[in-house]
Every structure is written in structure tokens, then in C-alpha cells.
């Protein structure tokens, strides 16, 4: 799930003989009633965001299942709309096994609500379905946002912050500062033969726009960057000053290799990728414990942010817990496709393809554009976690989507447990 900015505008639409005003905030009946109770009266507000839920099956089946006009959505609104989608999808025979979102503060609060005031780390980011207590579900942060956050933390760590206010990362008494990347970038081109061929000034001298691009963060934390940093380290009179930076890159490069390579699946917990992931997780957690126990360092200055640490644990431990359950059923999981790119691609089509140069469509435009996107693309994504085994479904298929659950089975509907 993710949110997209839209234009706040009111449009009068006609469907059959009925007229509707589209553009107000509408977060489903439960949230609308909660809003009335909290404010003591019924109010209206123009929607400035569209909250989008997308289903992505292990076999590649994808479908934008619901969207809501938001302002933007709060944590409790995400909570109720999420369980609403889970309930309706279950009525149609689709089981929701995990929820994925980016590291926004509301999404993090929403994730904590799923664990009922418990620490998600203590439960390995596994929570129970409110409709069926025996069903385990998993909270996984989008790994692409996590990689960007790690890069942003290192970019904000500078030599000038050593004695001033600001972030100055330290591991094993050695600093991790962005000047190391700058010097390595200069070293990369000093002989005319680049070691890291994809490295550009855009990777090093970041702007607010370039900080949002996933590939730029991947390129400065991958194996090519590790090899460049080691090559630069070998030329220094005091190579040990880059020891912590190289150590960080050794772990981030493995993280990038596992989650950003789209042609390697895992089908068993014996896969060496899981041992690497646990090693990466132990590295960040031991770094956190060392800084917190130290009397000479403070976590707000010498450590990556608390939000980034939580997101790293959610992405890695949530993925491992997810695989521990799903791989027992004979599935294969592709880590390279377990991210929020499907939602981002949907937003990209909303902005650029269906609405021309209109980067922020109105809520009235958003719905019809979603329908056009659904009809204009295949229902089975190439980003399949089980290869190309899924069968394609078309509107001419002479059968119901799920014959086992239809209106005659409405009595089997699960009741929510509060």
C-alpha cells in the first residue's frame, strides 16, 4: 500500500440516473464515523492524496483492489481500511499473508498497531489475523526505501559534524562519513579508467529529487562501490581509517545483491541467502547495542536513525519469517520482487500515461484511470515469485474467479474478533 498526491478538486459525475460529487475525503464508513465521534459533528474535507492497495500474489497475479481519498491517511485509518481489504479479499478466496509499505511515520505507527502494543522485533514481525487467529501474517517494510535510508544516513554523516551538532557515524572507533564516498568518486576517474562505471556526480552530490531515486542509492551501496572503496583504501597511507566504511559496504552490498537481483529465487530455508541476511541483521543490531552501551557515543549522533534501524529489522526479519512459513507449502520466493515497485509503477502510469502531463490528477480522474490501467496491462505480472506458471485471466474466461465462494456461501463469512 502507498499514497499518491492528487489535486484537491470537486467534480460532479453522473452514473446512470444518479449524480455524485467526487473529491471529498472518504476513508470508508468506519473511519468516517470515527471522525464524526472525534469532532462531534460531520465535516467534509477535500482529498489531497489517494491511498492505494494492490494485491500481488506469489504466482504474479496483481490487482489494484481498492483506493481511498485521504488527507493523507492516519495510522488508525490505515488500520481499519487494511482489515477491510483483508476481509473482502478473503470473501473472494484470496488469502493475505503480508503487508508491505514504505517507512513513513504513519505506516510505522500502523505497523505497531498490528502488534497490539507489543514490540514487533520480539515477535519477528509476525502478527495474527484478527479474523482467524491461527493465520500468521507478516509486516515487511519496503527494502528499496530502507536502502535509500541507509544511504541518506551516511550522506548526512560528515567530518564537520565531529565536534558540532550533526550526524557522525562510528563503528569500532572508526568513522563512516560521506567524504569517503566523495574521495572514492574522485579516485574512480583520476586515471581515465573508471572502476565503478555507473558512478556519476548525481550519485555523490545529492539533491532533494535525486534522494528519491532508488537506483542512485543502490549504486553507492553495491559490490561495485565496495570494490572501488577497497581500491581507494589500498592507496592511502592510513588505510585503517576506511575500515568501518568498507565493513558497512560489505554488508549493504550483500543486501543489494539479494533484494535487487531479479532472477534468483529461494525455495528452501537451507539457501545461503538466509545466513547472509541474518549476518547483515546481526551487524546492524550489534552496532546499535555497542553505541547504546558506550559512554563516549550517543545514538542520536553516532548511529543511524531509530526509524532506519526499525525498518532494517522489519525488511530482513519480516522477509525471513515470511519465507519460513511460505516455503513449507512448496512455494518459491523471489526477493527481488518483494517490494513496492508495483504500486510505484501504478502511480507512474497514473501521472504520465493516463493523464498526460498531469502529474497530479484529481480523485475523479484517478478512478477511471485505474480502470484503464487494469484493462491495458496483463493481470499476471512479470514480477512473479514462482516463475511463469500462473495462467492468464481474461474477461472472456467462462468461469467465476472463485466458484468455492459466492453469494450462497455468505454464511461462511468470518466475523471480526475485537
Protein backbone atom coordinates (compact mmCIF):
# COMPACT_ATOMS: atom_id res chain seq x y z
CA UNK A 1 0.00 0.00 0.00
CA UNK A 2 1.10 3.57 -0.68
CA UNK A 3 -0.24 7.08 -1.11
CA UNK A 4 -0.06 9.42 -4.09
CA UNK A 5 -0.62 13.18 -4.11
CA UNK A 6 -3.63 14.34 -6.11
CA UNK A 7 -5.28 17.69 -6.86
CA UNK A 8 -7.92 18.77 -4.37
CA UNK A 9 -10.89 19.39 -6.62
CA UNK A 10 -14.62 18.67 -6.66
CA UNK A 11 -16.18 17.09 -9.73
CA UNK A 12 -19.87 16.33 -10.31
CA UNK A 13 -20.21 12.94 -12.00
CA UNK A 14 -23.21 11.01 -13.31
CA UNK A 15 -23.60 7.24 -13.21
CA UNK A 16 -26.89 6.10 -14.71
CA UNK A 17 -29.60 8.26 -13.16
CA UNK A 18 -27.59 9.20 -10.07
CA UNK A 19 -25.33 12.21 -9.55
CA UNK A 20 -22.32 12.24 -7.25
CA UNK A 21 -19.78 14.78 -6.02
CA UNK A 22 -16.29 13.26 -6.17
CA UNK A 23 -13.29 14.77 -4.42
CA UNK A 24 -14.10 14.61 -0.70
CA UNK A 25 -12.12 12.60 1.84
CA UNK A 26 -13.76 9.18 2.14
CA UNK A 27 -11.93 6.56 4.22
CA UNK A 28 -14.77 4.02 4.41
CA UNK A 29 -17.74 4.01 6.79
CA UNK A 30 -15.85 3.04 9.95
CA UNK A 31 -13.29 5.82 9.66
CA UNK A 32 -15.94 8.35 8.65
CA UNK A 33 -17.96 7.51 11.78
CA UNK A 34 -14.84 7.71 13.98
CA UNK A 35 -14.17 11.17 12.55
CA UNK A 36 -17.71 12.28 13.45
CA UNK A 37 -17.32 10.97 17.02
CA UNK A 38 -13.95 12.69 17.49
CA UNK A 39 -15.05 16.06 16.11
CA UNK A 40 -18.59 15.96 17.47
CA UNK A 41 -20.06 16.80 14.08
CA UNK A 42 -19.93 15.74 10.47
CA UNK A 43 -17.32 17.63 8.46
CA UNK A 44 -16.08 17.47 4.90
CA UNK A 45 -12.60 17.99 3.51
CA UNK A 46 -11.08 17.82 0.05
CA UNK A 47 -8.89 14.78 -0.61
CA UNK A 48 -5.24 15.63 -1.29
CA UNK A 49 -3.98 12.04 -1.55
CA UNK A 50 -5.14 8.70 -2.91
CA UNK A 51 -4.45 5.70 -0.67
CA UNK A 52 -3.92 2.68 -2.93
CA UNK A 53 -3.99 -1.03 -2.01
CA UNK A 54 -2.56 -3.51 -4.54
CA UNK A 55 -2.72 -7.29 -4.31
CA UNK A 56 0.39 -9.13 -5.54
CA UNK A 57 0.22 -12.92 -5.47
CA UNK A 58 3.12 -15.33 -5.25
CA UNK A 59 2.27 -16.51 -8.78
CA UNK A 60 2.45 -12.94 -10.11
CA UNK A 61 -1.26 -12.09 -10.10
CA UNK A 62 -1.66 -8.37 -9.41
CA UNK A 63 -4.70 -6.21 -9.00
CA UNK A 64 -5.37 -2.73 -7.59
CA UNK A 65 -8.09 -3.81 -5.19
CA UNK A 66 -9.11 -0.51 -3.55
CA UNK A 67 -8.31 3.18 -3.27
CA UNK A 68 -9.50 5.85 -0.86
CA UNK A 69 -9.44 9.65 -0.96
CA UNK A 70 -7.33 10.76 2.02
CA UNK A 71 -5.87 13.89 3.59
CA UNK A 72 -3.44 11.99 3.97
CA UNK A 73 -4.37 8.82 5.84
CA UNK A 74 -3.63 8.50 9.56
CA UNK A 75 -2.44 5.30 11.25
CA UNK A 76 -5.89 4.29 12.53
CA UNK A 77 -7.37 4.92 9.07
CA UNK A 78 -4.74 2.65 7.54
CA UNK A 79 -5.55 0.03 10.18
CA UNK A 80 -9.28 -0.14 9.51
CA UNK A 81 -9.02 0.10 5.71
CA UNK A 82 -6.35 -2.61 5.68
CA UNK A 83 -8.51 -5.08 7.61
CA UNK A 84 -11.48 -4.12 5.44
CA UNK A 85 -9.47 -5.13 2.36
CA UNK A 86 -8.31 -8.34 4.05
CA UNK A 87 -11.91 -9.27 4.88
CA UNK A 88 -13.27 -8.60 1.40
CA UNK A 89 -10.37 -10.37 -0.31
CA UNK A 90 -10.95 -13.40 1.89
CA UNK A 91 -14.62 -13.42 0.85
CA UNK A 92 -13.41 -13.81 -2.71
CA UNK A 93 -10.93 -16.57 -1.88
CA UNK A 94 -7.70 -14.58 -1.66
CA UNK A 95 -5.53 -15.01 1.43
CA UNK A 96 -3.47 -12.03 2.58
CA UNK A 97 -0.16 -13.20 4.04
CA UNK A 98 1.85 -9.99 4.39
CA UNK A 99 1.52 -6.23 4.27
CA UNK A 100 4.18 -4.02 2.74
CA UNK A 101 4.55 -0.25 2.99
CA UNK A 102 7.32 2.32 2.98
CA UNK A 103 8.92 3.80 6.08
CA UNK A 104 6.64 6.81 6.55
CA UNK A 105 5.85 7.67 10.16
CA UNK A 106 2.14 6.84 9.77
CA UNK A 107 2.99 3.46 8.22
CA UNK A 108 5.33 2.70 11.11
CA UNK A 109 2.63 3.58 13.64
CA UNK A 110 0.17 1.45 11.69
CA UNK A 111 2.61 -1.48 11.86
CA UNK A 112 2.90 -1.10 15.64
CA UNK A 113 -0.91 -1.17 15.89
CA UNK A 114 -0.93 -4.57 14.21
CA UNK A 115 1.06 -5.97 17.16
CA UNK A 116 -1.31 -4.63 19.84
CA UNK A 117 1.27 -2.58 21.80
CA UNK A 118 3.86 -5.36 21.63
CA UNK A 119 7.36 -4.89 20.24
CA UNK A 120 7.36 -6.15 16.62
CA UNK A 121 11.01 -7.20 16.96
CA UNK A 122 10.17 -9.58 19.79
CA UNK A 123 7.60 -11.29 17.54
CA UNK A 124 9.87 -11.36 14.45
CA UNK A 125 7.31 -9.10 12.75
CA UNK A 126 4.69 -11.85 12.77
CA UNK A 127 1.15 -10.87 13.79
CA UNK A 128 -2.19 -12.65 13.88
CA UNK A 129 -5.13 -12.25 11.53
CA UNK A 130 -7.98 -10.62 13.50
CA UNK A 131 -10.47 -12.77 11.59
CA UNK A 132 -8.60 -16.06 12.06
CA UNK A 133 -6.17 -16.31 14.98
CA UNK A 134 -4.47 -19.39 13.55
CA UNK A 135 -3.40 -17.49 10.43
CA UNK A 136 0.00 -15.77 10.65
CA UNK A 137 0.65 -12.54 8.79
CA UNK A 138 3.86 -10.58 8.31
CA UNK A 139 4.80 -6.90 8.36
CA UNK A 140 7.58 -6.15 5.87
CA UNK A 141 8.97 -2.71 5.11
CA UNK A 142 9.83 -1.91 1.50
CA UNK A 143 13.53 -2.78 1.12
CA UNK A 144 14.08 -0.07 -1.52
CA UNK A 145 13.15 2.64 0.97
CA UNK A 146 15.41 1.00 3.55
CA UNK A 147 18.40 1.12 1.18
CA UNK A 148 17.71 4.80 0.49
CA UNK A 149 17.53 5.50 4.22
CA UNK A 150 20.91 3.84 4.81
CA UNK A 151 22.40 5.97 2.02
CA UNK A 152 20.77 9.13 3.41
CA UNK A 153 22.17 8.42 6.87
CA UNK A 154 25.69 8.08 5.51
CA UNK A 155 25.24 11.19 3.34
CA UNK A 156 24.30 13.22 6.42
CA UNK A 157 27.39 11.97 8.29
CA UNK A 158 30.19 14.47 7.64
CA UNK A 159 33.62 15.33 9.04
CA UNK A 160 32.44 18.80 10.04
CA UNK A 161 29.88 17.21 12.39
CA UNK A 162 32.58 15.57 14.52
CA UNK A 163 32.59 18.40 17.07
CA UNK A 164 29.36 20.12 16.06
CA UNK A 165 25.70 19.19 16.04
CA UNK A 166 25.03 16.67 13.29
CA UNK A 167 25.39 13.01 12.46
CA UNK A 168 28.85 11.42 12.68
CA UNK A 169 28.61 7.64 12.29
CA UNK A 170 31.17 5.50 14.11
CA UNK A 171 31.81 1.73 14.06
CA UNK A 172 34.67 0.24 16.07
CA UNK A 173 36.05 3.72 16.79
CA UNK A 174 36.36 4.44 13.05
CA UNK A 175 34.15 6.99 11.28
CA UNK A 176 31.75 6.46 8.39
CA UNK A 177 31.47 9.82 6.64
CA UNK A 178 30.26 10.86 3.20
CA UNK A 179 33.68 12.36 2.43
CA UNK A 180 34.87 8.77 1.93
CA UNK A 181 32.43 8.39 -0.97
CA UNK A 182 33.44 11.77 -2.41
CA UNK A 183 37.15 10.91 -2.34
CA UNK A 184 36.47 7.45 -3.79
CA UNK A 185 34.44 9.10 -6.58
CA UNK A 186 37.39 11.37 -7.43
CA UNK A 187 39.75 8.38 -7.32
CA UNK A 188 37.41 6.48 -9.65
CA UNK A 189 38.17 8.80 -12.58
CA UNK A 190 41.69 10.01 -11.90
CA UNK A 191 43.34 7.56 -14.31
CA UNK A 192 40.68 7.76 -17.01
CA UNK A 193 39.55 4.16 -16.44
CA UNK A 194 36.56 4.01 -14.11
CA UNK A 195 36.39 1.15 -11.63
CA UNK A 196 32.72 1.85 -10.89
CA UNK A 197 31.27 2.51 -14.35
CA UNK A 198 27.84 3.69 -13.22
CA UNK A 199 29.03 6.22 -10.65
CA UNK A 200 28.28 9.85 -11.56
CA UNK A 201 28.16 13.22 -9.83
CA UNK A 202 24.43 12.69 -9.41
CA UNK A 203 25.18 9.79 -7.06
CA UNK A 204 27.51 11.85 -4.86
CA UNK A 205 26.15 15.39 -4.87
CA UNK A 206 22.55 14.70 -3.95
CA UNK A 207 19.52 16.95 -4.39
CA UNK A 208 16.03 16.52 -2.87
CA UNK A 209 14.91 14.96 -6.17
CA UNK A 210 17.89 12.59 -6.56
CA UNK A 211 17.48 11.38 -2.96
CA UNK A 212 14.17 9.79 -4.02
CA UNK A 213 15.67 7.65 -6.79
CA UNK A 214 16.23 4.02 -5.84
CA UNK A 215 18.98 3.28 -8.35
CA UNK A 216 21.21 6.09 -7.10
CA UNK A 217 21.14 4.61 -3.59
CA UNK A 218 21.74 1.08 -4.90
CA UNK A 219 24.79 2.13 -6.92
CA UNK A 220 26.59 3.69 -3.92
CA UNK A 221 25.99 0.67 -1.66
CA UNK A 222 26.55 -2.27 -4.03
CA UNK A 223 29.53 -4.52 -4.78
CA UNK A 224 30.97 -2.13 -7.36
CA UNK A 225 31.14 0.58 -4.70
CA UNK A 226 32.72 -1.88 -2.28
CA UNK A 227 35.41 -2.80 -4.82
CA UNK A 228 36.05 0.90 -5.56
CA UNK A 229 36.30 1.76 -1.86
CA UNK A 230 38.76 -1.10 -1.25
CA UNK A 231 40.86 0.03 -4.24
CA UNK A 232 40.94 3.58 -2.89
CA UNK A 233 41.71 2.29 0.61
CA UNK A 234 44.80 0.47 -0.68
CA UNK A 235 46.32 3.76 -1.88
CA UNK A 236 46.04 5.55 1.47
CA UNK A 237 48.94 5.86 3.95
CA UNK A 238 46.45 5.05 6.75
CA UNK A 239 44.02 2.56 5.18
CA UNK A 240 42.53 1.65 8.55
CA UNK A 241 40.61 4.97 8.52
CA UNK A 242 38.28 3.46 5.91
CA UNK A 243 37.86 0.16 7.75
CA UNK A 244 34.36 0.91 9.06
CA UNK A 245 33.17 2.29 5.73
CA UNK A 246 34.37 -0.86 3.98
CA UNK A 247 32.72 -3.00 6.65
CA UNK A 248 29.40 -1.23 6.12
CA UNK A 249 29.66 -1.68 2.34
CA UNK A 250 30.43 -5.38 2.77
CA UNK A 251 27.02 -5.83 4.38
CA UNK A 252 25.00 -3.38 2.26
CA UNK A 253 26.41 -4.90 -0.93
CA UNK A 254 25.07 -8.30 0.12
CA UNK A 255 21.71 -6.71 0.94
CA UNK A 256 21.58 -5.12 -2.52
CA UNK A 257 22.62 -8.37 -4.21
CA UNK A 258 19.88 -10.38 -2.51
CA UNK A 259 16.97 -7.95 -2.88
CA UNK A 260 17.86 -6.19 -6.13
CA UNK A 261 18.71 -9.22 -8.28
CA UNK A 262 15.51 -10.28 -10.01
CA UNK A 263 16.48 -13.69 -11.37
CA UNK A 264 17.35 -15.60 -8.19
CA UNK A 265 14.60 -17.35 -6.25
CA UNK A 266 14.74 -19.18 -2.93
CA UNK A 267 12.84 -22.41 -2.43
CA UNK A 268 14.31 -23.70 0.82
CA UNK A 269 15.44 -22.28 4.16
CA UNK A 270 18.77 -24.01 3.52
CA UNK A 271 19.57 -21.36 0.92
CA UNK A 272 22.75 -19.47 1.91
CA UNK A 273 20.95 -16.16 1.37
CA UNK A 274 19.21 -16.54 4.73
CA UNK A 275 22.51 -16.96 6.57
CA UNK A 276 23.77 -13.80 4.84
CA UNK A 277 20.62 -11.91 5.83
CA UNK A 278 20.98 -12.95 9.46
CA UNK A 279 24.61 -11.84 9.38
CA UNK A 280 23.57 -8.44 7.99
CA UNK A 281 20.87 -8.09 10.64
CA UNK A 282 23.30 -9.04 13.42
CA UNK A 283 25.76 -6.44 12.13
CA UNK A 284 23.27 -3.56 12.39
CA UNK A 285 21.85 -4.76 15.71
CA UNK A 286 25.28 -5.23 17.30
CA UNK A 287 26.26 -1.77 16.09
CA UNK A 288 23.15 -0.42 17.79
CA UNK A 289 23.92 -2.24 21.07
CA UNK A 290 27.55 -1.09 21.07
CA UNK A 291 26.65 2.58 20.66
CA UNK A 292 23.90 2.44 23.28
CA UNK A 293 26.22 0.82 25.84
CA UNK A 294 29.07 3.23 25.16
CA UNK A 295 29.56 6.22 27.45
CA UNK A 296 31.52 8.07 24.76
CA UNK A 297 28.91 7.87 21.98
CA UNK A 298 25.23 8.78 21.63
CA UNK A 299 22.79 7.02 19.34
CA UNK A 300 21.33 10.30 18.05
CA UNK A 301 24.72 11.33 16.67
CA UNK A 302 26.91 8.25 16.13
CA UNK A 303 24.26 5.81 14.90
CA UNK A 304 21.79 5.61 12.04
CA UNK A 305 18.32 6.84 12.96
CA UNK A 306 15.96 4.76 15.08
CA UNK A 307 13.44 4.65 12.21
CA UNK A 308 16.06 3.24 9.85
CA UNK A 309 17.08 0.59 12.40
CA UNK A 310 13.46 -0.50 12.82
CA UNK A 311 12.91 -0.62 9.06
CA UNK A 312 16.04 -2.73 8.56
CA UNK A 313 14.75 -5.26 11.10
CA UNK A 314 11.28 -5.25 9.54
CA UNK A 315 12.58 -5.76 6.00
CA UNK A 316 15.04 -8.53 6.82
CA UNK A 317 13.40 -10.34 9.74
CA UNK A 318 9.92 -9.93 8.26
CA UNK A 319 11.12 -11.47 5.00
CA UNK A 320 12.82 -14.38 6.79
CA UNK A 321 9.71 -15.08 8.89
CA UNK A 322 7.56 -14.90 5.76
CA UNK A 323 9.77 -17.43 3.97
CA UNK A 324 9.81 -19.80 6.97
CA UNK A 325 6.04 -20.24 6.59
CA UNK A 326 5.54 -19.92 2.83
CA UNK A 327 8.41 -22.15 1.68
CA UNK A 328 6.91 -25.06 3.63
CA UNK A 329 3.97 -25.01 1.21
CA UNK A 330 6.13 -25.68 -1.84
CA UNK A 331 6.36 -22.06 -2.95
CA UNK A 332 9.43 -20.30 -4.25
CA UNK A 333 10.06 -16.67 -3.34
CA UNK A 334 11.95 -14.13 -5.40
CA UNK A 335 13.43 -11.49 -3.04
CA UNK A 336 13.96 -9.14 -5.98
CA UNK A 337 10.21 -8.79 -6.47
CA UNK A 338 9.22 -8.38 -2.83
CA UNK A 339 8.98 -4.59 -2.86
CA UNK A 340 6.55 -1.74 -3.52
CA UNK A 341 7.54 -1.20 -7.16
CA UNK A 342 4.11 -2.41 -8.34
CA UNK A 343 2.40 0.46 -6.53
CA UNK A 344 5.01 2.97 -7.69
CA UNK A 345 4.57 1.77 -11.29
CA UNK A 346 0.81 2.20 -10.93
CA UNK A 347 1.34 5.77 -9.75
CA UNK A 348 3.72 6.36 -12.66
CA UNK A 349 1.03 5.24 -15.11
CA UNK A 350 -1.50 7.46 -13.36
CA UNK A 351 0.72 10.52 -13.75
CA UNK A 352 2.36 10.01 -17.11
CA UNK A 353 0.33 7.64 -19.27
CA UNK A 354 -3.33 8.00 -18.37
CA UNK A 355 -3.35 11.70 -17.55
CA UNK A 356 -0.78 13.09 -19.98
CA UNK A 357 1.45 15.74 -18.47
CA UNK A 358 -0.81 15.98 -15.42
CA UNK A 359 1.49 14.90 -12.59
CA UNK A 360 -1.30 15.13 -10.01
CA UNK A 361 -4.73 14.05 -11.30
CA UNK A 362 -7.93 14.71 -9.39
CA UNK A 363 -9.74 11.98 -7.46
CA UNK A 364 -12.39 11.90 -10.20
CA UNK A 365 -9.66 11.19 -12.77
CA UNK A 366 -7.89 8.67 -10.56
CA UNK A 367 -10.68 6.06 -10.56
CA UNK A 368 -11.31 5.85 -14.35
CA UNK A 369 -7.54 5.91 -14.94
CA UNK A 370 -7.20 2.90 -12.63
CA UNK A 371 -9.74 1.04 -14.75
CA UNK A 372 -7.84 1.93 -17.92
CA UNK A 373 -4.58 0.74 -16.37
CA UNK A 374 -6.17 -2.59 -15.36
CA UNK A 375 -7.56 -3.16 -18.86
CA UNK A 376 -4.34 -2.05 -20.52
CA UNK A 377 -1.98 -4.40 -18.72
CA UNK A 378 -1.71 -8.10 -18.10
CA UNK A 379 -3.18 -9.36 -14.84
CA UNK A 380 -0.13 -11.58 -14.28
CA UNK A 381 2.95 -9.53 -13.54
CA UNK A 382 6.35 -10.44 -14.93
CA UNK A 383 7.49 -9.95 -11.34
CA UNK A 384 6.29 -13.41 -10.38
CA UNK A 385 7.65 -15.18 -7.33
CA UNK A 386 7.01 -18.57 -8.93
CA UNK A 387 8.25 -18.12 -12.48
CA UNK A 388 5.81 -18.11 -15.40
CA UNK A 389 3.47 -20.81 -14.10
CA UNK A 390 0.47 -18.55 -13.45
CA UNK A 391 -2.33 -18.77 -16.02
CA UNK A 392 -3.54 -15.57 -17.65
CA UNK A 393 -7.11 -14.50 -16.88
CA UNK A 394 -9.18 -12.52 -19.37
CA UNK A 395 -12.67 -11.07 -19.28
CA UNK A 396 -13.83 -13.79 -21.70
CA UNK A 397 -12.91 -16.67 -19.40
CA UNK A 398 -16.25 -18.55 -18.97
CA UNK A 399 -15.93 -19.26 -15.27
CA UNK A 400 -16.12 -17.41 -11.96
CA UNK A 401 -12.89 -16.27 -10.33
CA UNK A 402 -13.62 -18.39 -7.28
CA UNK A 403 -16.50 -20.87 -7.55
CA UNK A 404 -15.99 -22.08 -3.97
CA UNK A 405 -17.03 -18.74 -2.51
CA UNK A 406 -20.04 -16.97 -3.91
CA UNK A 407 -23.24 -15.44 -2.60
CA UNK A 408 -24.59 -18.81 -1.49
CA UNK A 409 -21.63 -19.15 0.90
CA UNK A 410 -22.11 -15.83 2.62
CA UNK A 411 -22.88 -17.69 5.85
CA UNK A 412 -19.27 -18.86 5.89
CA UNK A 413 -18.03 -15.29 6.20
CA UNK A 414 -15.73 -14.84 9.18
CA UNK A 415 -16.69 -12.50 11.96
CA UNK A 416 -14.19 -9.94 13.19
CA UNK A 417 -12.77 -10.56 16.68
CA UNK A 418 -12.30 -7.35 18.63
